[in-house]
Amino acid sequence: MEAQRILVIGGGIGGLTAAIALRAKGHQVDVIERDPDWSVYGVGIIQQSNVVRAMAQLGLLDDYLSAGVGFDAIEIFLPNGAKIARVPSPRLVEGKPANVGIGRPALHNVLGDRTLSSGATVRLGVTAERIVDGADGVTVDFSDGGSDRYDLVVGADGVYSQTRDLIFPDAPKPQFTGQAVWRYNFARPAELDALQVYNGPIGVGLVPISDALMYMYATTPEPDNPRYPLEGLAAVMRAKLSGTAPAIQALAQEITQDSAVVYRPLEGLLVEGPWHKGRIVLLGDAVHATTPHLGQGAGMAIEDSLVLADELSNHDALESVFEAYHARRFERCAYIVRASLAICHGQIGKGPPVDNAAATHEMFEMIAEPI
């Protein structure tokens, strides 16, 4: 397909990787992001071998690895703190690590810098107020009073996607799972060279994200979906960790800054039907928001971006592009959403317990397959 004028709605991980992938194929790309500060919360994220492969395909691998920490193993601990296994993670890029821990701000900077240097335009504090899809283009009216016309629009605006609500008003809404995740940054011990996973009623992980930092995540049952006030949030997180392994309880005493605690109720979403309507297409959390239990939410959005850009080069008609994109992505993304939710529900008694090691091994086999 000849070069298209494309609007990407959303300046997060999915939207920025879409912009980068589309610019690499020669398309003209505008990105709009509602947050005028273009900010992300300051904890970390773990990404696995398929993301390392995707970053190589995007031409970002060196910058990406320089901004984070690569590692090749997962260490598993019992609730009492005894280490029972160190499991190697499979590599998909020769000579490069299998996993990467990276601060979200650092990842955002890598993606944002490349988006801008690629020639895409980014407009902050702007939303799409009206989208009119026609036979030969899409007219978009913006919140700043401007208007423009595009060949297609990509909705990468997250789990609460306004683009999804516009084109599929009857699509399922995000569903609270009954569980939440807490995150906090700590100084990284020199010996931490793997993802450390502590099993138990409160699942805890420690992830290296730089030479100086690691972050902790902890999943807790929250059946009533409480909204905790910022004041006192550090004390609440410490209390949630009171029954965990001794090493985690000791670390929890360093949780003292309310503003540094990131608390998120876990929600899931899977759009079972089409991911496009006319000239508007969705990707990432807008159509397949997952819980973090397999560490693949951002990875699936990044892969979506690569596949969408690829299919635009494979077809002359947008309908064919979008159908091929959906065919390549749906089962893979649905697997991640469903398998992650099964682990979540097993942990809080809403479903049968899931063998995490077996589920992780199965996931590694799946993500190794070409996208």
Protein backbone atom coordinates (compact mmCIF):
# COMPACT_ATOMS: atom_id res chain seq x y z
CA MET A 1 0.00 0.00 0.00
CA GLU A 2 1.23 3.49 -0.82
CA ALA A 3 2.11 5.84 2.02
CA GLN A 4 -0.87 6.74 4.20
CA ARG A 5 -1.70 9.68 6.47
CA ILE A 6 -2.29 8.06 9.83
CA LEU A 7 -3.50 9.41 13.17
CA VAL A 8 -2.46 7.46 16.26
CA ILE A 9 -4.61 8.21 19.30
CA GLY A 10 -2.61 7.56 22.46
CA GLY A 11 1.01 8.28 23.33
CA GLY A 12 1.74 5.26 25.50
CA ILE A 13 3.74 2.13 24.71
CA GLY A 14 1.35 0.85 22.03
CA GLY A 15 0.82 4.21 20.38
CA LEU A 16 4.51 5.10 20.25
CA THR A 17 5.61 1.72 18.91
CA ALA A 18 2.85 1.99 16.31
CA ALA A 19 4.17 5.39 15.27
CA ILE A 20 7.73 4.07 15.02
CA ALA A 21 6.72 0.97 13.04
CA LEU A 22 4.49 2.96 10.68
CA ARG A 23 7.12 5.64 10.06
CA ALA A 24 9.62 2.90 9.23
CA LYS A 25 7.26 1.83 6.43
CA GLY A 26 7.11 5.37 5.07
CA HIS A 27 3.71 6.46 6.36
CA GLN A 28 2.99 9.98 7.62
CA VAL A 29 2.07 9.77 11.30
CA ASP A 30 0.51 12.18 13.79
CA VAL A 31 0.21 11.15 17.45
CA ILE A 32 -2.14 12.81 19.93
CA GLU A 33 -1.92 12.26 23.67
CA ARG A 34 -4.39 13.62 26.22
CA ASP A 35 -1.79 14.08 28.98
CA PRO A 36 -0.20 17.52 28.50
CA ASP A 37 2.85 16.38 30.48
CA TRP A 38 3.24 13.07 28.56
CA SER A 39 4.08 11.45 31.90
CA VAL A 40 4.22 7.86 33.11
CA TYR A 41 4.36 6.55 36.65
CA GLY A 42 7.85 6.00 37.92
CA VAL A 43 8.13 2.30 38.69
CA GLY A 44 9.35 -0.50 36.46
CA ILE A 45 8.16 -3.07 33.99
CA ILE A 46 9.46 -6.52 33.12
CA GLN A 47 9.53 -7.56 29.47
CA GLN A 48 10.41 -10.89 27.99
CA SER A 49 12.15 -12.37 24.98
CA ASN A 50 9.43 -11.54 22.47
CA VAL A 51 9.76 -7.86 23.38
CA VAL A 52 13.55 -8.06 22.96
CA ARG A 53 12.90 -9.52 19.49
CA ALA A 54 10.32 -6.83 18.73
CA MET A 55 12.69 -4.05 19.80
CA ALA A 56 15.27 -5.47 17.42
CA GLN A 57 12.69 -5.39 14.62
CA LEU A 58 11.89 -1.77 15.49
CA GLY A 59 15.58 -0.85 15.36
CA LEU A 60 15.51 0.13 19.04
CA LEU A 61 17.34 -2.73 20.70
CA ASP A 62 20.61 -1.02 21.66
CA ASP A 63 18.86 2.05 23.09
CA TYR A 64 16.35 -0.17 24.87
CA LEU A 65 18.97 -2.41 26.47
CA SER A 66 21.08 0.58 27.49
CA ALA A 67 18.09 2.03 29.35
CA GLY A 68 17.30 -1.15 31.30
CA VAL A 69 18.81 -4.34 32.71
CA GLY A 70 18.95 -7.64 30.87
CA PHE A 71 18.78 -10.98 32.69
CA ASP A 72 18.28 -14.61 31.80
CA ALA A 73 16.66 -16.35 34.74
CA ILE A 74 13.71 -16.46 37.10
CA GLU A 75 14.23 -17.47 40.73
CA ILE A 76 11.28 -18.98 42.56
CA PHE A 77 10.80 -18.84 46.33
CA LEU A 78 8.35 -20.49 48.73
CA PRO A 79 6.22 -18.31 51.02
CA ASN A 80 8.77 -18.90 53.82
CA GLY A 81 11.53 -17.44 51.65
CA ALA A 82 13.28 -20.68 50.67
CA LYS A 83 14.55 -20.62 47.09
CA ILE A 84 13.39 -23.71 45.24
CA ALA A 85 14.45 -23.06 41.65
CA ARG A 86 16.42 -20.89 39.27
CA VAL A 87 14.86 -21.32 35.86
CA PRO A 88 16.68 -20.13 32.72
CA SER A 89 14.60 -18.03 30.32
CA PRO A 90 14.84 -18.79 26.60
CA ARG A 91 16.49 -16.19 24.36
CA LEU A 92 15.01 -15.21 21.00
CA VAL A 93 17.76 -12.80 19.86
CA GLU A 94 21.23 -14.30 19.67
CA GLY A 95 23.68 -12.71 22.06
CA LYS A 96 20.99 -10.63 23.77
CA PRO A 97 19.25 -11.22 27.11
CA ALA A 98 15.99 -13.11 27.43
CA ASN A 99 14.35 -10.61 29.78
CA VAL A 100 14.65 -6.90 30.40
CA GLY A 101 13.66 -4.92 33.46
CA ILE A 102 13.30 -1.23 32.72
CA GLY A 103 11.85 1.82 34.41
CA ARG A 104 8.68 3.00 32.75
CA PRO A 105 10.03 6.56 32.41
CA ALA A 106 13.20 5.18 30.78
CA LEU A 107 11.17 3.09 28.33
CA HIS A 108 8.94 6.07 27.62
CA ASN A 109 11.99 8.19 26.83
CA VAL A 110 13.40 5.60 24.42
CA LEU A 111 10.09 5.31 22.56
CA GLY A 112 9.29 9.02 22.66
CA ASP A 113 12.71 10.07 21.40
CA ARG A 114 12.55 7.63 18.49
CA THR A 115 8.99 8.65 17.63
CA LEU A 116 10.06 12.27 17.32
CA SER A 117 13.32 11.56 15.50
CA SER A 118 11.47 9.32 13.03
CA GLY A 119 9.53 12.34 11.80
CA ALA A 120 6.20 11.64 13.47
CA THR A 121 4.47 14.63 15.04
CA VAL A 122 3.28 14.47 18.66
CA ARG A 123 0.64 16.81 20.07
CA LEU A 124 0.11 16.80 23.82
CA GLY A 125 -2.98 17.73 25.80
CA VAL A 126 -5.13 16.95 22.76
CA THR A 127 -7.99 14.49 22.27
CA ALA A 128 -10.17 13.51 19.34
CA GLU A 129 -13.54 15.11 20.01
CA ARG A 130 -15.25 13.88 16.84
CA ILE A 131 -14.30 11.25 14.27
CA VAL A 132 -16.22 11.00 11.00
CA ASP A 133 -15.33 7.91 9.00
CA GLY A 134 -16.00 8.21 5.27
CA ALA A 135 -15.44 6.13 2.18
CA ASP A 136 -12.27 7.98 1.22
CA GLY A 137 -10.92 9.19 4.56
CA VAL A 138 -11.48 10.04 8.21
CA THR A 139 -12.13 13.58 9.42
CA VAL A 140 -11.04 14.24 13.00
CA ASP A 141 -11.98 17.28 15.06
CA PHE A 142 -9.58 17.91 17.92
CA SER A 143 -10.11 19.33 21.39
CA ASP A 144 -7.84 22.29 20.61
CA GLY A 145 -10.21 23.44 17.87
CA GLY A 146 -8.26 22.02 14.96
CA SER A 147 -9.42 19.51 12.37
CA ASP A 148 -7.62 17.22 9.94
CA ARG A 149 -8.20 14.36 7.54
CA TYR A 150 -6.51 10.97 7.55
CA ASP A 151 -6.48 7.76 5.57
CA LEU A 152 -6.83 5.74 8.77
CA VAL A 153 -6.96 6.16 12.53
CA VAL A 154 -5.27 3.86 15.07
CA GLY A 155 -6.86 3.77 18.53
CA ALA A 156 -4.09 2.99 21.01
CA ASP A 157 -5.73 4.81 23.90
CA GLY A 158 -5.71 2.09 26.52
CA VAL A 159 -8.16 0.04 28.52
CA TYR A 160 -10.63 2.94 28.79
CA SER A 161 -10.34 3.65 25.07
CA GLN A 162 -12.65 6.39 23.85
CA THR A 163 -11.93 5.24 20.31
CA ARG A 164 -13.29 1.78 21.15
CA ASP A 165 -16.38 3.29 22.73
CA LEU A 166 -16.92 5.38 19.62
CA ILE A 167 -16.80 2.60 17.04
CA PHE A 168 -18.05 -0.25 19.25
CA PRO A 169 -20.38 1.29 21.86
CA ASP A 170 -21.63 -2.18 22.82
CA ALA A 171 -18.16 -3.68 23.28
CA PRO A 172 -17.40 -5.18 26.70
CA LYS A 173 -16.14 -2.83 29.38
CA PRO A 174 -13.09 -3.48 31.57
CA GLN A 175 -13.92 -5.90 34.37
CA PHE A 176 -12.36 -5.72 37.83
CA THR A 177 -10.75 -9.05 38.71
CA GLY A 178 -10.88 -8.90 42.51
CA GLN A 179 -7.12 -8.40 42.75
CA ALA A 180 -4.80 -5.40 42.72
CA VAL A 181 -1.08 -4.79 42.29
CA TRP A 182 1.21 -2.61 44.40
CA ARG A 183 4.57 -1.35 43.09
CA TYR A 184 7.52 0.43 44.70
CA ASN A 185 11.15 1.15 43.78
CA PHE A 186 14.12 0.19 45.96
CA ALA A 187 17.89 0.27 45.80
CA ARG A 188 19.05 -2.79 43.87
CA PRO A 189 21.36 -5.25 45.64
CA ALA A 190 24.38 -6.11 43.49
CA GLU A 191 23.54 -9.82 43.65
CA LEU A 192 20.05 -9.42 42.14
CA ASP A 193 20.54 -10.78 38.62
CA ALA A 194 17.14 -12.37 37.97
CA LEU A 195 13.44 -11.88 38.46
CA GLN A 196 12.71 -13.16 41.95
CA VAL A 197 9.20 -14.52 42.44
CA TYR A 198 7.84 -15.23 45.93
CA ASN A 199 4.77 -17.46 45.89
CA GLY A 200 2.04 -17.28 48.50
CA PRO A 201 -1.32 -15.64 49.20
CA ILE A 202 0.41 -12.32 48.50
CA GLY A 203 2.45 -12.83 45.33
CA VAL A 204 5.63 -10.75 45.28
CA GLY A 205 8.30 -10.14 42.66
CA LEU A 206 11.58 -8.23 42.63
CA VAL A 207 12.79 -6.96 39.26
CA PRO A 208 16.10 -5.22 38.45
CA ILE A 209 15.50 -2.12 36.31
CA SER A 210 18.88 -0.31 36.39
CA ASP A 211 22.30 -0.62 37.97
CA ALA A 212 20.94 1.28 40.97
CA LEU A 213 17.26 0.31 41.17
CA MET A 214 14.86 -2.60 41.38
CA TYR A 215 11.13 -2.54 41.83
CA MET A 216 8.78 -4.69 43.83
CA TYR A 217 5.35 -5.75 42.70
CA ALA A 218 2.86 -7.38 45.04
CA THR A 219 -0.58 -8.74 44.15
CA THR A 220 -3.26 -8.68 46.83
CA PRO A 221 -6.91 -9.75 46.97
CA GLU A 222 -9.14 -6.67 47.01
CA PRO A 223 -12.68 -8.05 46.63
CA ASP A 224 -14.39 -4.73 47.33
CA ASN A 225 -12.16 -2.75 44.94
CA PRO A 226 -11.28 -0.09 47.53
CA ARG A 227 -9.92 3.30 46.56
CA TYR A 228 -7.10 4.00 49.01
CA PRO A 229 -6.27 7.66 49.69
CA LEU A 230 -2.73 8.77 48.92
CA GLU A 231 -2.10 9.77 52.52
CA GLY A 232 -1.07 6.64 54.39
CA LEU A 233 -0.63 4.52 51.24
CA ALA A 234 2.91 3.45 52.19
CA ALA A 235 1.67 2.16 55.55
CA VAL A 236 -1.11 0.22 53.83
CA MET A 237 1.39 -1.42 51.46
CA ARG A 238 3.67 -2.34 54.37
CA ALA A 239 0.72 -3.91 56.17
CA LYS A 240 -0.24 -5.91 53.07
CA LEU A 241 3.25 -7.45 53.10
CA SER A 242 3.20 -8.41 56.78
CA GLY A 243 2.65 -12.11 56.11
CA THR A 244 5.23 -12.54 53.36
CA ALA A 245 8.73 -14.05 53.42
CA PRO A 246 11.15 -12.55 55.98
CA ALA A 247 13.27 -10.92 53.26
CA ILE A 248 10.19 -9.21 51.82
CA GLN A 249 8.99 -8.08 55.24
CA ALA A 250 12.41 -6.56 55.91
CA LEU A 251 12.38 -4.78 52.57
CA ALA A 252 8.86 -3.51 53.24
CA GLN A 253 10.18 -1.39 56.09
CA GLU A 254 11.76 0.83 53.42
CA ILE A 255 8.32 1.66 51.98
CA THR A 256 7.91 5.11 53.48
CA GLN A 257 6.89 7.53 50.70
CA ASP A 258 3.16 7.62 50.01
CA SER A 259 3.70 9.32 46.65
CA ALA A 260 6.10 6.59 45.48
CA VAL A 261 3.55 3.78 45.94
CA VAL A 262 1.76 2.82 42.75
CA TYR A 263 -1.52 1.00 43.43
CA ARG A 264 -3.63 -0.33 40.58
CA PRO A 265 -6.81 -2.45 40.65
CA LEU A 266 -6.40 -5.19 38.05
CA GLU A 267 -8.89 -5.20 35.20
CA GLY A 268 -9.25 -7.31 32.11
CA LEU A 269 -10.84 -6.90 28.71
CA LEU A 270 -11.03 -8.90 25.49
CA VAL A 271 -12.93 -7.72 22.43
CA GLU A 272 -13.99 -10.99 20.81
CA GLY A 273 -15.32 -9.47 17.59
CA PRO A 274 -13.60 -7.29 14.98
CA TRP A 275 -10.95 -4.81 16.04
CA HIS A 276 -11.76 -2.32 13.30
CA LYS A 277 -14.66 -0.49 11.76
CA GLY A 278 -14.25 1.27 8.46
CA ARG A 279 -10.92 3.11 8.54
CA ILE A 280 -10.50 2.98 12.33
CA VAL A 281 -8.55 0.16 13.98
CA LEU A 282 -7.66 -0.62 17.61
CA LEU A 283 -4.60 -2.14 19.24
CA GLY A 284 -3.16 -2.97 22.65
CA ASP A 285 -5.19 -2.54 25.83
CA ALA A 286 -8.03 -1.00 23.84
CA VAL A 287 -8.93 -4.53 22.69
CA HIS A 288 -7.01 -6.98 24.90
CA ALA A 289 -6.15 -5.58 28.33
CA THR A 290 -4.55 -8.26 30.49
CA THR A 291 -3.52 -8.63 34.10
CA PRO A 292 0.27 -8.65 34.66
CA HIS A 293 0.61 -12.26 35.77
CA LEU A 294 2.48 -13.34 32.62
CA GLY A 295 4.22 -10.00 32.08
CA GLN A 296 2.91 -9.64 28.54
CA GLY A 297 0.53 -6.67 28.39
CA ALA A 298 2.97 -4.21 26.85
CA GLY A 299 4.54 -6.96 24.77
CA MET A 300 1.27 -7.75 23.05
CA ALA A 301 0.71 -4.06 22.21
CA ILE A 302 4.22 -3.77 20.76
CA GLU A 303 3.66 -6.86 18.62
CA ASP A 304 0.31 -5.45 17.46
CA SER A 305 2.13 -2.39 16.18
CA LEU A 306 4.63 -4.40 14.17
CA VAL A 307 1.95 -6.60 12.64
CA LEU A 308 -0.31 -3.69 11.70
CA ALA A 309 2.57 -1.89 9.97
CA ASP A 310 3.55 -5.13 8.24
CA GLU A 311 0.06 -5.81 6.93
CA LEU A 312 -0.22 -2.28 5.55
CA SER A 313 2.66 -3.25 3.27
CA ASN A 314 1.05 -6.56 2.28
CA HIS A 315 -2.34 -5.35 0.98
CA ASP A 316 -3.84 -2.62 -1.17
CA ALA A 317 -7.22 -2.47 0.62
CA LEU A 318 -7.60 -1.38 4.25
CA GLU A 319 -10.27 -4.00 4.90
CA SER A 320 -7.79 -6.70 3.90
CA VAL A 321 -5.10 -5.09 6.07
CA PHE A 322 -7.31 -5.05 9.15
CA GLU A 323 -8.62 -8.58 8.62
CA ALA A 324 -5.09 -9.95 8.24
CA TYR A 325 -3.92 -8.01 11.30
CA HIS A 326 -6.76 -9.44 13.40
CA ALA A 327 -6.14 -12.96 12.09
CA ARG A 328 -2.48 -12.82 13.13
CA ARG A 329 -3.10 -11.25 16.52
CA PHE A 330 -6.36 -12.43 18.06
CA GLU A 331 -5.52 -15.95 19.27
CA ARG A 332 -2.13 -14.93 20.63
CA CYS A 333 -3.52 -11.96 22.56
CA ALA A 334 -6.59 -13.89 23.73
CA TYR A 335 -4.31 -16.61 25.10
CA ILE A 336 -2.40 -14.07 27.19
CA VAL A 337 -5.58 -12.43 28.52
CA ARG A 338 -7.22 -15.75 29.43
CA ALA A 339 -4.14 -17.46 30.87
CA SER A 340 -3.24 -14.41 32.97
CA LEU A 341 -6.79 -14.13 34.27
CA ALA A 342 -6.79 -17.83 35.17
CA ILE A 343 -3.69 -17.31 37.32
CA CYS A 344 -5.28 -14.26 38.92
CA HIS A 345 -8.51 -16.06 39.72
CA GLY A 346 -6.63 -19.07 41.06
CA GLN A 347 -4.71 -16.86 43.47
CA ILE A 348 -7.83 -15.31 44.98
CA GLY A 349 -10.08 -18.38 45.03
CA LYS A 350 -12.30 -17.40 42.11
CA GLY A 351 -11.05 -20.36 40.09
CA PRO A 352 -8.89 -23.48 40.39
CA PRO A 353 -5.25 -22.92 41.37
CA VAL A 354 -2.86 -22.66 38.43
CA ASP A 355 0.66 -24.10 38.37
CA ASN A 356 2.60 -20.90 37.75
CA ALA A 357 5.74 -22.67 36.60
CA ALA A 358 3.81 -24.72 34.04
CA ALA A 359 1.86 -21.67 32.87
CA THR A 360 5.07 -19.68 32.46
CA HIS A 361 6.74 -22.49 30.51
CA GLU A 362 3.74 -22.72 28.20
CA MET A 363 3.79 -18.95 27.74
CA PHE A 364 7.49 -19.00 26.83
CA GLU A 365 6.77 -21.59 24.14
CA MET A 366 3.92 -19.51 22.75
CA ILE A 367 5.77 -16.18 22.62
CA ALA A 368 8.73 -17.82 20.88
CA GLU A 369 6.54 -18.42 17.84
CA PRO A 370 6.82 -15.84 15.04
CA ILE A 371 4.25 -13.07 15.14
